[in-house]
Amino acid sequence: MTQQRDGAKHSNPASPEGKPVLPGQILFEEFMEPLELSQNGLARAIGVPPRRINEIVHGKRAITADTALRLAAYLGPDPQFWLNLQTHYDLSVAYLNTREVLEAIEPYDSDLHVVGWLNPMQEGE
């Protein structure tokens, strides 16, 4: 959802329902369930402690670059996919937590703000 105000766009990266989607929820529902893959099985396959997978699935741990590389090597499609899930979630949470502050910020207007500019005619006076 994108809001337009005074020419600036404020993007809400949350789901259409307004609730952030956990990366672990996507891992579980879109990959583990269809493949009938347990948390322990996935952990063994990618060489991490089972607790890491459990915490990701339950939203208690973020998907790191290391985990993204391992998930991509085993499940595909690529590490960026897994990192994007985490980034999207993080942005959604941040947006929801700072929405009022963000909406109060006036966008930068280059026509009104000239930083460090001196009028050449005033320099010699």
PDB file of N, CA and C in Angstrom:
ATOM      1  N   MET A   1       0.844  -1.160   0.000  1.00  0.00           N
ATOM      2  CA  MET A   1       0.000   0.000   0.000  1.00  0.00           C
ATOM      3  C   MET A   1       0.897   1.232   0.000  1.00  0.00           C
ATOM      4  N   THR A   2       0.633   2.162  -0.885  1.00  0.00           N
ATOM      5  CA  THR A   2       1.406   3.388  -0.964  1.00  0.00           C
ATOM      6  C   THR A   2       0.493   4.568  -0.763  1.00  0.00           C
ATOM      7  N   GLN A   3       0.891   5.463   0.102  1.00  0.00           N
ATOM      8  CA  GLN A   3       0.133   6.679   0.338  1.00  0.00           C
ATOM      9  C   GLN A   3       0.868   7.825  -0.336  1.00  0.00           C
ATOM     10  N   GLN A   4       0.119   8.736  -0.940  1.00  0.00           N
ATOM     11  CA  GLN A   4       0.715   9.896  -1.592  1.00  0.00           C
ATOM     12  C   GLN A   4       0.380  11.126  -0.769  1.00  0.00           C
ATOM     13  N   ARG A   5       1.391  11.931  -0.460  1.00  0.00           N
ATOM     14  CA  ARG A   5       1.161  13.174   0.262  1.00  0.00           C
ATOM     15  C   ARG A   5       2.142  14.210  -0.251  1.00  0.00           C
ATOM     16  N   ASP A   6       1.635  15.289  -0.774  1.00  0.00           N
ATOM     17  CA  ASP A   6       2.471  16.388  -1.242  1.00  0.00           C
ATOM     18  C   ASP A   6       3.579  15.913  -2.177  1.00  0.00           C
ATOM     19  N   GLY A   7       3.251  14.990  -3.059  1.00  0.00           N
ATOM     20  CA  GLY A   7       4.226  14.529  -4.033  1.00  0.00           C
ATOM     21  C   GLY A   7       5.170  13.455  -3.525  1.00  0.00           C
ATOM     22  N   ALA A   8       5.136  13.127  -2.244  1.00  0.00           N
ATOM     23  CA  ALA A   8       6.018  12.097  -1.707  1.00  0.00           C
ATOM     24  C   ALA A   8       5.220  10.832  -1.462  1.00  0.00           C
ATOM     25  N   LYS A   9       5.859   9.711  -1.677  1.00  0.00           N
ATOM     26  CA  LYS A   9       5.196   8.432  -1.452  1.00  0.00           C
ATOM     27  C   LYS A   9       5.683   7.840  -0.143  1.00  0.00           C
ATOM     28  N   HIS A  10       4.744   7.328   0.639  1.00  0.00           N
ATOM     29  CA  HIS A  10       5.060   6.638   1.882  1.00  0.00           C
ATOM     30  C   HIS A  10       4.561   5.212   1.718  1.00  0.00           C
ATOM     31  N   SER A  11       5.472   4.282   1.668  1.00  0.00           N
ATOM     32  CA  SER A  11       5.115   2.905   1.389  1.00  0.00           C
ATOM     33  C   SER A  11       4.899   2.124   2.674  1.00  0.00           C
ATOM     34  N   ASN A  12       3.821   1.360   2.711  1.00  0.00           N
ATOM     35  CA  ASN A  12       3.542   0.457   3.815  1.00  0.00           C
ATOM     36  C   ASN A  12       3.864  -0.945   3.332  1.00  0.00           C
ATOM     37  N   PRO A  13       4.990  -1.513   3.768  1.00  0.00           N
ATOM     38  CA  PRO A  13       5.372  -2.837   3.295  1.00  0.00           C
ATOM     39  C   PRO A  13       4.658  -3.991   3.991  1.00  0.00           C
ATOM     40  N   ALA A  14       3.707  -3.717   4.872  1.00  0.00           N
ATOM     41  CA  ALA A  14       2.969  -4.784   5.545  1.00  0.00           C
ATOM     42  C   ALA A  14       2.037  -5.476   4.553  1.00  0.00           C
ATOM     43  N   SER A  15       1.518  -6.618   4.947  1.00  0.00           N
ATOM     44  CA  SER A  15       0.582  -7.354   4.101  1.00  0.00           C
ATOM     45  C   SER A  15      -0.682  -6.525   3.906  1.00  0.00           C
ATOM     46  N   PRO A  16      -1.527  -6.886   2.930  1.00  0.00           N
ATOM     47  CA  PRO A  16      -2.764  -6.124   2.719  1.00  0.00           C
ATOM     48  C   PRO A  16      -3.620  -6.009   3.983  1.00  0.00           C
ATOM     49  N   GLU A  17      -3.533  -6.995   4.871  1.00  0.00           N
ATOM     50  CA  GLU A  17      -4.289  -6.949   6.123  1.00  0.00           C
ATOM     51  C   GLU A  17      -3.614  -6.039   7.142  1.00  0.00           C
ATOM     52  N   GLY A  18      -2.435  -5.537   6.817  1.00  0.00           N
ATOM     53  CA  GLY A  18      -1.716  -4.657   7.722  1.00  0.00           C
ATOM     54  C   GLY A  18      -0.853  -5.378   8.735  1.00  0.00           C
ATOM     55  N   LYS A  19      -0.790  -6.692   8.654  1.00  0.00           N
ATOM     56  CA  LYS A  19       0.003  -7.466   9.604  1.00  0.00           C
ATOM     57  C   LYS A  19       1.249  -8.001   8.894  1.00  0.00           C
ATOM     58  N   PRO A  20       2.438  -7.755   9.448  1.00  0.00           N
ATOM     59  CA  PRO A  20       3.659  -8.270   8.822  1.00  0.00           C
ATOM     60  C   PRO A  20       3.653  -9.795   8.748  1.00  0.00           C
ATOM     61  N   VAL A  21       4.183 -10.320   7.661  1.00  0.00           N
ATOM     62  CA  VAL A  21       4.257 -11.767   7.466  1.00  0.00           C
ATOM     63  C   VAL A  21       5.644 -12.234   7.899  1.00  0.00           C
ATOM     64  N   LEU A  22       5.672 -13.150   8.848  1.00  0.00           N
ATOM     65  CA  LEU A  22       6.940 -13.682   9.344  1.00  0.00           C
ATOM     66  C   LEU A  22       7.651 -14.487   8.263  1.00  0.00           C
ATOM     67  N   PRO A  23       8.950 -14.284   8.091  1.00  0.00           N
ATOM     68  CA  PRO A  23       9.697 -15.102   7.131  1.00  0.00           C
ATOM     69  C   PRO A  23       9.596 -16.592   7.463  1.00  0.00           C
ATOM     70  N   GLY A  24       9.577 -16.904   8.760  1.00  0.00           N
ATOM     71  CA  GLY A  24       9.453 -18.298   9.179  1.00  0.00           C
ATOM     72  C   GLY A  24       8.121 -18.911   8.797  1.00  0.00           C
ATOM     73  N   GLN A  25       7.079 -18.092   8.737  1.00  0.00           N
ATOM     74  CA  GLN A  25       5.765 -18.576   8.308  1.00  0.00           C
ATOM     75  C   GLN A  25       5.825 -19.006   6.844  1.00  0.00           C
ATOM     76  N   ILE A  26       6.495 -18.222   6.030  1.00  0.00           N
ATOM     77  CA  ILE A  26       6.642 -18.579   4.612  1.00  0.00           C
ATOM     78  C   ILE A  26       7.517 -19.810   4.471  1.00  0.00           C
ATOM     79  N   LEU A  27       8.614 -19.860   5.219  1.00  0.00           N
ATOM     80  CA  LEU A  27       9.475 -21.044   5.203  1.00  0.00           C
ATOM     81  C   LEU A  27       8.662 -22.288   5.533  1.00  0.00           C
ATOM     82  N   PHE A  28       7.862 -22.208   6.581  1.00  0.00           N
ATOM     83  CA  PHE A  28       7.094 -23.366   7.019  1.00  0.00           C
ATOM     84  C   PHE A  28       5.975 -23.721   6.043  1.00  0.00           C
ATOM     85  N   GLU A  29       5.130 -22.732   5.706  1.00  0.00           N
ATOM     86  CA  GLU A  29       3.937 -23.016   4.897  1.00  0.00           C
ATOM     87  C   GLU A  29       4.235 -23.287   3.426  1.00  0.00           C
ATOM     88  N   GLU A  30       5.222 -22.599   2.881  1.00  0.00           N
ATOM     89  CA  GLU A  30       5.484 -22.715   1.444  1.00  0.00           C
ATOM     90  C   GLU A  30       6.571 -23.724   1.093  1.00  0.00           C
ATOM     91  N   PHE A  31       7.379 -24.111   2.069  1.00  0.00           N
ATOM     92  CA  PHE A  31       8.485 -25.015   1.777  1.00  0.00           C
ATOM     93  C   PHE A  31       8.443 -26.278   2.630  1.00  0.00           C
ATOM     94  N   MET A  32       8.427 -26.122   3.946  1.00  0.00           N
ATOM     95  CA  MET A  32       8.520 -27.289   4.812  1.00  0.00           C
ATOM     96  C   MET A  32       7.280 -28.173   4.752  1.00  0.00           C
ATOM     97  N   GLU A  33       6.095 -27.564   4.872  1.00  0.00           N
ATOM     98  CA  GLU A  33       4.856 -28.366   4.835  1.00  0.00           C
ATOM     99  C   GLU A  33       4.698 -29.125   3.522  1.00  0.00           C
ATOM    100  N   PRO A  34       4.786 -28.461   2.363  1.00  0.00           N
ATOM    101  CA  PRO A  34       4.600 -29.195   1.107  1.00  0.00           C
ATOM    102  C   PRO A  34       5.632 -30.308   0.897  1.00  0.00           C
ATOM    103  N   LEU A  35       6.840 -30.095   1.422  1.00  0.00           N
ATOM    104  CA  LEU A  35       7.896 -31.099   1.264  1.00  0.00           C
ATOM    105  C   LEU A  35       7.905 -32.117   2.400  1.00  0.00           C
ATOM    106  N   GLU A  36       6.950 -31.959   3.345  1.00  0.00           N
ATOM    107  CA  GLU A  36       6.886 -32.814   4.535  1.00  0.00           C
ATOM    108  C   GLU A  36       8.242 -32.869   5.227  1.00  0.00           C
ATOM    109  N   LEU A  37       8.813 -31.695   5.400  1.00  0.00           N
ATOM    110  CA  LEU A  37      10.143 -31.542   5.964  1.00  0.00           C
ATOM    111  C   LEU A  37      10.016 -31.032   7.397  1.00  0.00           C
ATOM    112  N   SER A  38      10.551 -31.792   8.338  1.00  0.00           N
ATOM    113  CA  SER A  38      10.491 -31.382   9.742  1.00  0.00           C
ATOM    114  C   SER A  38      11.561 -30.330  10.029  1.00  0.00           C
ATOM    115  N   GLN A  39      11.398 -29.658  11.152  1.00  0.00           N
ATOM    116  CA  GLN A  39      12.410 -28.689  11.558  1.00  0.00           C
ATOM    117  C   GLN A  39      13.756 -29.373  11.763  1.00  0.00           C
ATOM    118  N   ASN A  40      13.741 -30.537  12.400  1.00  0.00           N
ATOM    119  CA  ASN A  40      14.987 -31.280  12.608  1.00  0.00           C
ATOM    120  C   ASN A  40      15.599 -31.719  11.287  1.00  0.00           C
ATOM    121  N   GLY A  41      14.755 -32.174  10.368  1.00  0.00           N
ATOM    122  CA  GLY A  41      15.244 -32.614   9.062  1.00  0.00           C
ATOM    123  C   GLY A  41      15.886 -31.479   8.287  1.00  0.00           C
ATOM    124  N   LEU A  42      15.247 -30.315   8.300  1.00  0.00           N
ATOM    125  CA  LEU A  42      15.807 -29.158   7.606  1.00  0.00           C
ATOM    126  C   LEU A  42      17.115 -28.727   8.268  1.00  0.00           C
ATOM    127  N   ALA A  43      17.119 -28.701   9.586  1.00  0.00           N
ATOM    128  CA  ALA A  43      18.334 -28.309  10.313  1.00  0.00           C
ATOM    129  C   ALA A  43      19.497 -29.229   9.965  1.00  0.00           C
ATOM    130  N   ARG A  44      19.253 -30.531   9.949  1.00  0.00           N
ATOM    131  CA  ARG A  44      20.302 -31.489   9.584  1.00  0.00           C
ATOM    132  C   ARG A  44      20.777 -31.259   8.157  1.00  0.00           C
ATOM    133  N   ALA A  45      19.822 -31.045   7.251  1.00  0.00           N
ATOM    134  CA  ALA A  45      20.152 -30.889   5.832  1.00  0.00           C
ATOM    135  C   ALA A  45      21.023 -29.662   5.563  1.00  0.00           C
ATOM    136  N   ILE A  46      20.817 -28.598   6.330  1.00  0.00           N
ATOM    137  CA  ILE A  46      21.593 -27.380   6.064  1.00  0.00           C
ATOM    138  C   ILE A  46      22.698 -27.139   7.101  1.00  0.00           C
ATOM    139  N   GLY A  47      22.844 -28.069   8.029  1.00  0.00           N
ATOM    140  CA  GLY A  47      23.954 -28.006   8.975  1.00  0.00           C
ATOM    141  C   GLY A  47      23.856 -26.925  10.035  1.00  0.00           C
ATOM    142  N   VAL A  48      22.651 -26.745  10.577  1.00  0.00           N
ATOM    143  CA  VAL A  48      22.472 -25.777  11.668  1.00  0.00           C
ATOM    144  C   VAL A  48      21.781 -26.474  12.833  1.00  0.00           C
ATOM    145  N   PRO A  49      21.855 -25.901  14.023  1.00  0.00           N
ATOM    146  CA  PRO A  49      21.142 -26.488  15.154  1.00  0.00           C
ATOM    147  C   PRO A  49      19.627 -26.425  14.925  1.00  0.00           C
ATOM    148  N   PRO A  50      18.892 -27.457  15.331  1.00  0.00           N
ATOM    149  CA  PRO A  50      17.433 -27.442  15.175  1.00  0.00           C
ATOM    150  C   PRO A  50      16.780 -26.224  15.821  1.00  0.00           C
ATOM    151  N   ARG A  51      17.373 -25.738  16.899  1.00  0.00           N
ATOM    152  CA  ARG A  51      16.815 -24.567  17.585  1.00  0.00           C
ATOM    153  C   ARG A  51      16.748 -23.351  16.651  1.00  0.00           C
ATOM    154  N   ARG A  52      17.728 -23.214  15.753  1.00  0.00           N
ATOM    155  CA  ARG A  52      17.727 -22.075  14.830  1.00  0.00           C
ATOM    156  C   ARG A  52      16.495 -22.111  13.934  1.00  0.00           C
ATOM    157  N   ILE A  53      16.193 -23.284  13.389  1.00  0.00           N
ATOM    158  CA  ILE A  53      15.024 -23.409  12.511  1.00  0.00           C
ATOM    159  C   ILE A  53      13.749 -23.173  13.313  1.00  0.00           C
ATOM    160  N   ASN A  54      13.677 -23.744  14.512  1.00  0.00           N
ATOM    161  CA  ASN A  54      12.505 -23.558  15.362  1.00  0.00           C
ATOM    162  C   ASN A  54      12.268 -22.086  15.659  1.00  0.00           C
ATOM    163  N   GLU A  55      13.313 -21.367  15.989  1.00  0.00           N
ATOM    164  CA  GLU A  55      13.175 -19.948  16.315  1.00  0.00           C
ATOM    165  C   GLU A  55      12.798 -19.117  15.092  1.00  0.00           C
ATOM    166  N   ILE A  56      13.296 -19.475  13.923  1.00  0.00           N
ATOM    167  CA  ILE A  56      12.908 -18.770  12.693  1.00  0.00           C
ATOM    168  C   ILE A  56      11.436 -19.016  12.405  1.00  0.00           C
ATOM    169  N   VAL A  57      11.016 -20.272  12.476  1.00  0.00           N
ATOM    170  CA  VAL A  57       9.622 -20.626  12.192  1.00  0.00           C
ATOM    171  C   VAL A  57       8.667 -19.907  13.146  1.00  0.00           C
ATOM    172  N   HIS A  58       9.065 -19.727  14.388  1.00  0.00           N
ATOM    173  CA  HIS A  58       8.201 -19.086  15.384  1.00  0.00           C
ATOM    174  C   HIS A  58       8.434 -17.578  15.521  1.00  0.00           C
ATOM    175  N   GLY A  59       9.228 -17.002  14.634  1.00  0.00           N
ATOM    176  CA  GLY A  59       9.429 -15.557  14.628  1.00  0.00           C
ATOM    177  C   GLY A  59      10.291 -15.024  15.748  1.00  0.00           C
ATOM    178  N   LYS A  60      11.105 -15.882  16.341  1.00  0.00           N
ATOM    179  CA  LYS A  60      11.965 -15.454  17.442  1.00  0.00           C
ATOM    180  C   LYS A  60      13.395 -15.185  16.989  1.00  0.00           C
ATOM    181  N   ARG A  61      13.680 -15.464  15.726  1.00  0.00           N
ATOM    182  CA  ARG A  61      15.021 -15.252  15.183  1.00  0.00           C
ATOM    183  C   ARG A  61      14.889 -14.812  13.735  1.00  0.00           C
ATOM    184  N   ALA A  62      15.768 -13.923  13.337  1.00  0.00           N
ATOM    185  CA  ALA A  62      15.773 -13.432  11.957  1.00  0.00           C
ATOM    186  C   ALA A  62      16.552 -14.385  11.051  1.00  0.00           C
ATOM    187  N   ILE A  63      16.240 -14.327   9.774  1.00  0.00           N
ATOM    188  CA  ILE A  63      17.022 -15.063   8.781  1.00  0.00           C
ATOM    189  C   ILE A  63      18.262 -14.227   8.482  1.00  0.00           C
ATOM    190  N   THR A  64      19.417 -14.765   8.825  1.00  0.00           N
ATOM    191  CA  THR A  64      20.688 -14.071   8.593  1.00  0.00           C
ATOM    192  C   THR A  64      21.219 -14.418   7.206  1.00  0.00           C
ATOM    193  N   ALA A  65      22.284 -13.746   6.809  1.00  0.00           N
ATOM    194  CA  ALA A  65      22.917 -14.041   5.523  1.00  0.00           C
ATOM    195  C   ALA A  65      23.393 -15.494   5.488  1.00  0.00           C
ATOM    196  N   ASP A  66      23.966 -15.965   6.593  1.00  0.00           N
ATOM    197  CA  ASP A  66      24.432 -17.351   6.663  1.00  0.00           C
ATOM    198  C   ASP A  66      23.280 -18.332   6.461  1.00  0.00           C
ATOM    199  N   THR A  67      22.182 -18.099   7.155  1.00  0.00           N
ATOM    200  CA  THR A  67      21.023 -18.983   7.020  1.00  0.00           C
ATOM    201  C   THR A  67      20.428 -18.880   5.626  1.00  0.00           C
ATOM    202  N   ALA A  68      20.389 -17.681   5.061  1.00  0.00           N
ATOM    203  CA  ALA A  68      19.859 -17.493   3.706  1.00  0.00           C
ATOM    204  C   ALA A  68      20.669 -18.294   2.691  1.00  0.00           C
ATOM    205  N   LEU A  69      21.974 -18.279   2.827  1.00  0.00           N
ATOM    206  CA  LEU A  69      22.828 -19.057   1.918  1.00  0.00           C
ATOM    207  C   LEU A  69      22.523 -20.547   2.027  1.00  0.00           C
ATOM    208  N   ARG A  70      22.350 -21.018   3.250  1.00  0.00           N
ATOM    209  CA  ARG A  70      22.082 -22.441   3.474  1.00  0.00           C
ATOM    210  C   ARG A  70      20.691 -22.843   2.971  1.00  0.00           C
ATOM    211  N   LEU A  71      19.685 -22.005   3.265  1.00  0.00           N
ATOM    212  CA  LEU A  71      18.328 -22.303   2.788  1.00  0.00           C
ATOM    213  C   LEU A  71      18.285 -22.325   1.263  1.00  0.00           C
ATOM    214  N   ALA A  72      18.959 -21.369   0.642  1.00  0.00           N
ATOM    215  CA  ALA A  72      18.974 -21.308  -0.824  1.00  0.00           C
ATOM    216  C   ALA A  72      19.673 -22.519  -1.420  1.00  0.00           C
ATOM    217  N   ALA A  73      20.754 -22.957  -0.797  1.00  0.00           N
ATOM    218  CA  ALA A  73      21.476 -24.126  -1.308  1.00  0.00           C
ATOM    219  C   ALA A  73      20.604 -25.373  -1.252  1.00  0.00           C
ATOM    220  N   TYR A  74      19.746 -25.458  -0.250  1.00  0.00           N
ATOM    221  CA  TYR A  74      18.914 -26.652  -0.083  1.00  0.00           C
ATOM    222  C   TYR A  74      17.536 -26.520  -0.726  1.00  0.00           C
ATOM    223  N   LEU A  75      16.878 -25.389  -0.519  1.00  0.00           N
ATOM    224  CA  LEU A  75      15.496 -25.220  -0.972  1.00  0.00           C
ATOM    225  C   LEU A  75      15.348 -24.335  -2.206  1.00  0.00           C
ATOM    226  N   GLY A  76      16.388 -23.538  -2.519  1.00  0.00           N
ATOM    227  CA  GLY A  76      16.255 -22.558  -3.587  1.00  0.00           C
ATOM    228  C   GLY A  76      15.485 -21.372  -3.064  1.00  0.00           C
ATOM    229  N   PRO A  77      15.055 -20.419  -3.809  1.00  0.00           N
ATOM    230  CA  PRO A  77      15.579 -20.172  -5.142  1.00  0.00           C
ATOM    231  C   PRO A  77      16.957 -19.526  -5.117  1.00  0.00           C
ATOM    232  N   ASP A  78      17.184 -18.566  -4.213  1.00  0.00           N
ATOM    233  CA  ASP A  78      18.504 -17.944  -4.065  1.00  0.00           C
ATOM    234  C   ASP A  78      18.560 -17.244  -2.706  1.00  0.00           C
ATOM    235  N   PRO A  79      19.760 -16.910  -2.233  1.00  0.00           N
ATOM    236  CA  PRO A  79      19.876 -16.276  -0.915  1.00  0.00           C
ATOM    237  C   PRO A  79      19.124 -14.948  -0.809  1.00  0.00           C
ATOM    238  N   GLN A  80      19.081 -14.189  -1.897  1.00  0.00           N
ATOM    239  CA  GLN A  80      18.415 -12.892  -1.859  1.00  0.00           C
ATOM    240  C   GLN A  80      16.930 -13.036  -1.549  1.00  0.00           C
ATOM    241  N   PHE A  81      16.310 -14.104  -2.026  1.00  0.00           N
ATOM    242  CA  PHE A  81      14.904 -14.362  -1.727  1.00  0.00           C
ATOM    243  C   PHE A  81      14.684 -14.411  -0.221  1.00  0.00           C
ATOM    244  N   TRP A  82      15.524 -15.167   0.462  1.00  0.00           N
ATOM    245  CA  TRP A  82      15.374 -15.346   1.905  1.00  0.00           C
ATOM    246  C   TRP A  82      15.683 -14.056   2.662  1.00  0.00           C
ATOM    247  N   LEU A  83      16.702 -13.336   2.227  1.00  0.00           N
ATOM    248  CA  LEU A  83      17.010 -12.057   2.868  1.00  0.00           C
ATOM    249  C   LEU A  83      15.918 -11.027   2.605  1.00  0.00           C
ATOM    250  N   ASN A  84      15.335 -11.055   1.414  1.00  0.00           N
ATOM    251  CA  ASN A  84      14.242 -10.127   1.102  1.00  0.00           C
ATOM    252  C   ASN A  84      13.027 -10.379   1.988  1.00  0.00           C
ATOM    253  N   LEU A  85      12.745 -11.645   2.278  1.00  0.00           N
ATOM    254  CA  LEU A  85      11.636 -11.950   3.190  1.00  0.00           C
ATOM    255  C   LEU A  85      11.868 -11.280   4.540  1.00  0.00           C
ATOM    256  N   GLN A  86      13.096 -11.405   5.038  1.00  0.00           N
ATOM    257  CA  GLN A  86      13.422 -10.828   6.340  1.00  0.00           C
ATOM    258  C   GLN A  86      13.376  -9.304   6.288  1.00  0.00           C
ATOM    259  N   THR A  87      13.944  -8.727   5.237  1.00  0.00           N
ATOM    260  CA  THR A  87      13.948  -7.269   5.105  1.00  0.00           C
ATOM    261  C   THR A  87      12.533  -6.726   4.993  1.00  0.00           C
ATOM    262  N   HIS A  88      11.699  -7.397   4.220  1.00  0.00           N
ATOM    263  CA  HIS A  88      10.309  -6.971   4.064  1.00  0.00           C
ATOM    264  C   HIS A  88       9.588  -7.005   5.419  1.00  0.00           C
ATOM    265  N   TYR A  89       9.813  -8.060   6.164  1.00  0.00           N
ATOM    266  CA  TYR A  89       9.206  -8.172   7.494  1.00  0.00           C
ATOM    267  C   TYR A  89       9.701  -7.046   8.410  1.00  0.00           C
ATOM    268  N   ASP A  90      11.017  -6.834   8.434  1.00  0.00           N
ATOM    269  CA  ASP A  90      11.590  -5.797   9.296  1.00  0.00           C
ATOM    270  C   ASP A  90      11.039  -4.416   8.942  1.00  0.00           C
ATOM    271  N   LEU A  91      10.935  -4.115   7.647  1.00  0.00           N
ATOM    272  CA  LEU A  91      10.381  -2.829   7.215  1.00  0.00           C
ATOM    273  C   LEU A  91       8.910  -2.702   7.600  1.00  0.00           C
ATOM    274  N   SER A  92       8.170  -3.791   7.478  1.00  0.00           N
ATOM    275  CA  SER A  92       6.756  -3.769   7.848  1.00  0.00           C
ATOM    276  C   SER A  92       6.577  -3.438   9.320  1.00  0.00           C
ATOM    277  N   VAL A  93       7.354  -4.091  10.160  1.00  0.00           N
ATOM    278  CA  VAL A  93       7.274  -3.843  11.602  1.00  0.00           C
ATOM    279  C   VAL A  93       7.684  -2.405  11.908  1.00  0.00           C
ATOM    280  N   ALA A  94       8.769  -1.948  11.303  1.00  0.00           N
ATOM    281  CA  ALA A  94       9.234  -0.579  11.542  1.00  0.00           C
ATOM    282  C   ALA A  94       8.195   0.435  11.085  1.00  0.00           C
ATOM    283  N   TYR A  95       7.582   0.192   9.936  1.00  0.00           N
ATOM    284  CA  TYR A  95       6.560   1.114   9.431  1.00  0.00           C
ATOM    285  C   TYR A  95       5.381   1.189  10.398  1.00  0.00           C
ATOM    286  N   LEU A  96       4.913   0.038  10.834  1.00  0.00           N
ATOM    287  CA  LEU A  96       3.767   0.022  11.742  1.00  0.00           C
ATOM    288  C   LEU A  96       4.089   0.702  13.072  1.00  0.00           C
ATOM    289  N   ASN A  97       5.326   0.587  13.518  1.00  0.00           N
ATOM    290  CA  ASN A  97       5.731   1.196  14.786  1.00  0.00           C
ATOM    291  C   ASN A  97       6.004   2.693  14.683  1.00  0.00           C
ATOM    292  N   THR A  98       6.234   3.195  13.475  1.00  0.00           N
ATOM    293  CA  THR A  98       6.596   4.610  13.312  1.00  0.00           C
ATOM    294  C   THR A  98       5.676   5.349  12.349  1.00  0.00           C
ATOM    295  N   ARG A  99       4.552   4.771  12.029  1.00  0.00           N
ATOM    296  CA  ARG A  99       3.643   5.348  11.031  1.00  0.00           C
ATOM    297  C   ARG A  99       3.311   6.810  11.316  1.00  0.00           C
ATOM    298  N   GLU A 100       2.924   7.126  12.541  1.00  0.00           N
ATOM    299  CA  GLU A 100       2.539   8.505  12.866  1.00  0.00           C
ATOM    300  C   GLU A 100       3.711   9.465  12.709  1.00  0.00           C
ATOM    301  N   VAL A 101       4.881   9.041  13.137  1.00  0.00           N
ATOM    302  CA  VAL A 101       6.071   9.880  12.999  1.00  0.00           C
ATOM    303  C   VAL A 101       6.386  10.100  11.523  1.00  0.00           C
ATOM    304  N   LEU A 102       6.324   9.035  10.736  1.00  0.00           N
ATOM    305  CA  LEU A 102       6.623   9.143   9.305  1.00  0.00           C
ATOM    306  C   LEU A 102       5.654  10.078   8.599  1.00  0.00           C
ATOM    307  N   GLU A 103       4.386   9.992   8.960  1.00  0.00           N
ATOM    308  CA  GLU A 103       3.384  10.836   8.314  1.00  0.00           C
ATOM    309  C   GLU A 103       3.549  12.302   8.688  1.00  0.00           C
ATOM    310  N   ALA A 104       4.194  12.584   9.821  1.00  0.00           N
ATOM    311  CA  ALA A 104       4.411  13.965  10.246  1.00  0.00           C
ATOM    312  C   ALA A 104       5.653  14.591   9.609  1.00  0.00           C
ATOM    313  N   ILE A 105       6.504  13.772   9.010  1.00  0.00           N
ATOM    314  CA  ILE A 105       7.728  14.290   8.392  1.00  0.00           C
ATOM    315  C   ILE A 105       7.389  14.917   7.051  1.00  0.00           C
ATOM    316  N   GLU A 106       7.798  16.167   6.891  1.00  0.00           N
ATOM    317  CA  GLU A 106       7.589  16.850   5.617  1.00  0.00           C
ATOM    318  C   GLU A 106       8.704  16.440   4.663  1.00  0.00           C
ATOM    319  N   PRO A 107       8.364  16.022   3.458  1.00  0.00           N
ATOM    320  CA  PRO A 107       9.389  15.621   2.489  1.00  0.00           C
ATOM    321  C   PRO A 107      10.314  16.786   2.128  1.00  0.00           C
ATOM    322  N   TYR A 108      11.530  16.485   1.818  1.00  0.00           N
ATOM    323  CA  TYR A 108      12.516  17.469   1.395  1.00  0.00           C
ATOM    324  C   TYR A 108      12.054  18.120   0.104  1.00  0.00           C
ATOM    325  N   ASP A 109      12.164  19.425   0.035  1.00  0.00           N
ATOM    326  CA  ASP A 109      11.779  20.174  -1.163  1.00  0.00           C
ATOM    327  C   ASP A 109      13.000  20.951  -1.625  1.00  0.00           C
ATOM    328  N   SER A 110      13.599  20.530  -2.732  1.00  0.00           N
ATOM    329  CA  SER A 110      14.828  21.158  -3.209  1.00  0.00           C
ATOM    330  C   SER A 110      14.616  22.612  -3.612  1.00  0.00           C
ATOM    331  N   ASP A 111      13.393  23.004  -3.909  1.00  0.00           N
ATOM    332  CA  ASP A 111      13.126  24.396  -4.265  1.00  0.00           C
ATOM    333  C   ASP A 111      13.178  25.312  -3.042  1.00  0.00           C
ATOM    334  N   LEU A 112      12.994  24.765  -1.871  1.00  0.00           N
ATOM    335  CA  LEU A 112      12.965  25.580  -0.659  1.00  0.00           C
ATOM    336  C   LEU A 112      14.269  25.532   0.129  1.00  0.00           C
ATOM    337  N   HIS A 113      15.051  24.494  -0.079  1.00  0.00           N
ATOM    338  CA  HIS A 113      16.259  24.297   0.713  1.00  0.00           C
ATOM    339  C   HIS A 113      17.489  24.368  -0.176  1.00  0.00           C
ATOM    340  N   VAL A 114      18.274  25.391   0.011  1.00  0.00           N
ATOM    341  CA  VAL A 114      19.547  25.508  -0.688  1.00  0.00           C
ATOM    342  C   VAL A 114      20.601  25.565   0.406  1.00  0.00           C
ATOM    343  N   VAL A 115      21.353  24.483   0.537  1.00  0.00           N
ATOM    344  CA  VAL A 115      22.314  24.370   1.626  1.00  0.00           C
ATOM    345  C   VAL A 115      23.692  24.818   1.148  1.00  0.00           C
ATOM    346  N   GLY A 116      24.295  25.762   1.864  1.00  0.00           N
ATOM    347  CA  GLY A 116      25.653  26.187   1.575  1.00  0.00           C
ATOM    348  C   GLY A 116      25.795  27.093   0.361  1.00  0.00           C
ATOM    349  N   TRP A 117      24.717  27.646  -0.139  1.00  0.00           N
ATOM    350  CA  TRP A 117      24.788  28.494  -1.325  1.00  0.00           C
ATOM    351  C   TRP A 117      25.024  29.930  -0.910  1.00  0.00           C
ATOM    352  N   LEU A 118      25.972  30.579  -1.563  1.00  0.00           N
ATOM    353  CA  LEU A 118      26.237  31.996  -1.319  1.00  0.00           C
ATOM    354  C   LEU A 118      25.958  32.772  -2.587  1.00  0.00           C
ATOM    355  N   ASN A 119      25.399  33.919  -2.431  1.00  0.00           N
ATOM    356  CA  ASN A 119      25.164  34.790  -3.571  1.00  0.00           C
ATOM    357  C   ASN A 119      26.506  35.410  -3.953  1.00  0.00           C
ATOM    358  N   PRO A 120      26.992  35.164  -5.197  1.00  0.00           N
ATOM    359  CA  PRO A 120      28.298  35.678  -5.599  1.00  0.00           C
ATOM    360  C   PRO A 120      28.399  37.197  -5.467  1.00  0.00           C
ATOM    361  N   MET A 121      27.305  37.922  -5.594  1.00  0.00           N
ATOM    362  CA  MET A 121      27.330  39.380  -5.497  1.00  0.00           C
ATOM    363  C   MET A 121      27.602  39.831  -4.058  1.00  0.00           C
ATOM    364  N   GLN A 122      27.291  39.022  -3.074  1.00  0.00           N
ATOM    365  CA  GLN A 122      27.470  39.404  -1.677  1.00  0.00           C
ATOM    366  C   GLN A 122      28.870  39.074  -1.171  1.00  0.00           C
ATOM    367  N   GLU A 123      29.609  38.234  -1.889  1.00  0.00           N
ATOM    368  CA  GLU A 123      30.914  37.784  -1.434  1.00  0.00           C
ATOM    369  C   GLU A 123      31.916  38.928  -1.274  1.00  0.00           C
ATOM    370  N   GLY A 124      31.944  39.886  -2.214  1.00  0.00           N
ATOM    371  CA  GLY A 124      32.924  40.963  -2.191  1.00  0.00           C
ATOM    372  C   GLY A 124      32.523  42.153  -1.340  1.00  0.00           C
ATOM    373  N   GLU A 125      31.358  42.180  -0.792  1.00  0.00           N
ATOM    374  CA  GLU A 125      30.882  43.334  -0.016  1.00  0.00           C
ATOM    375  C   GLU A 125      31.488  43.432   1.341  1.00  0.00           C
TER     376      GLU A 125
END
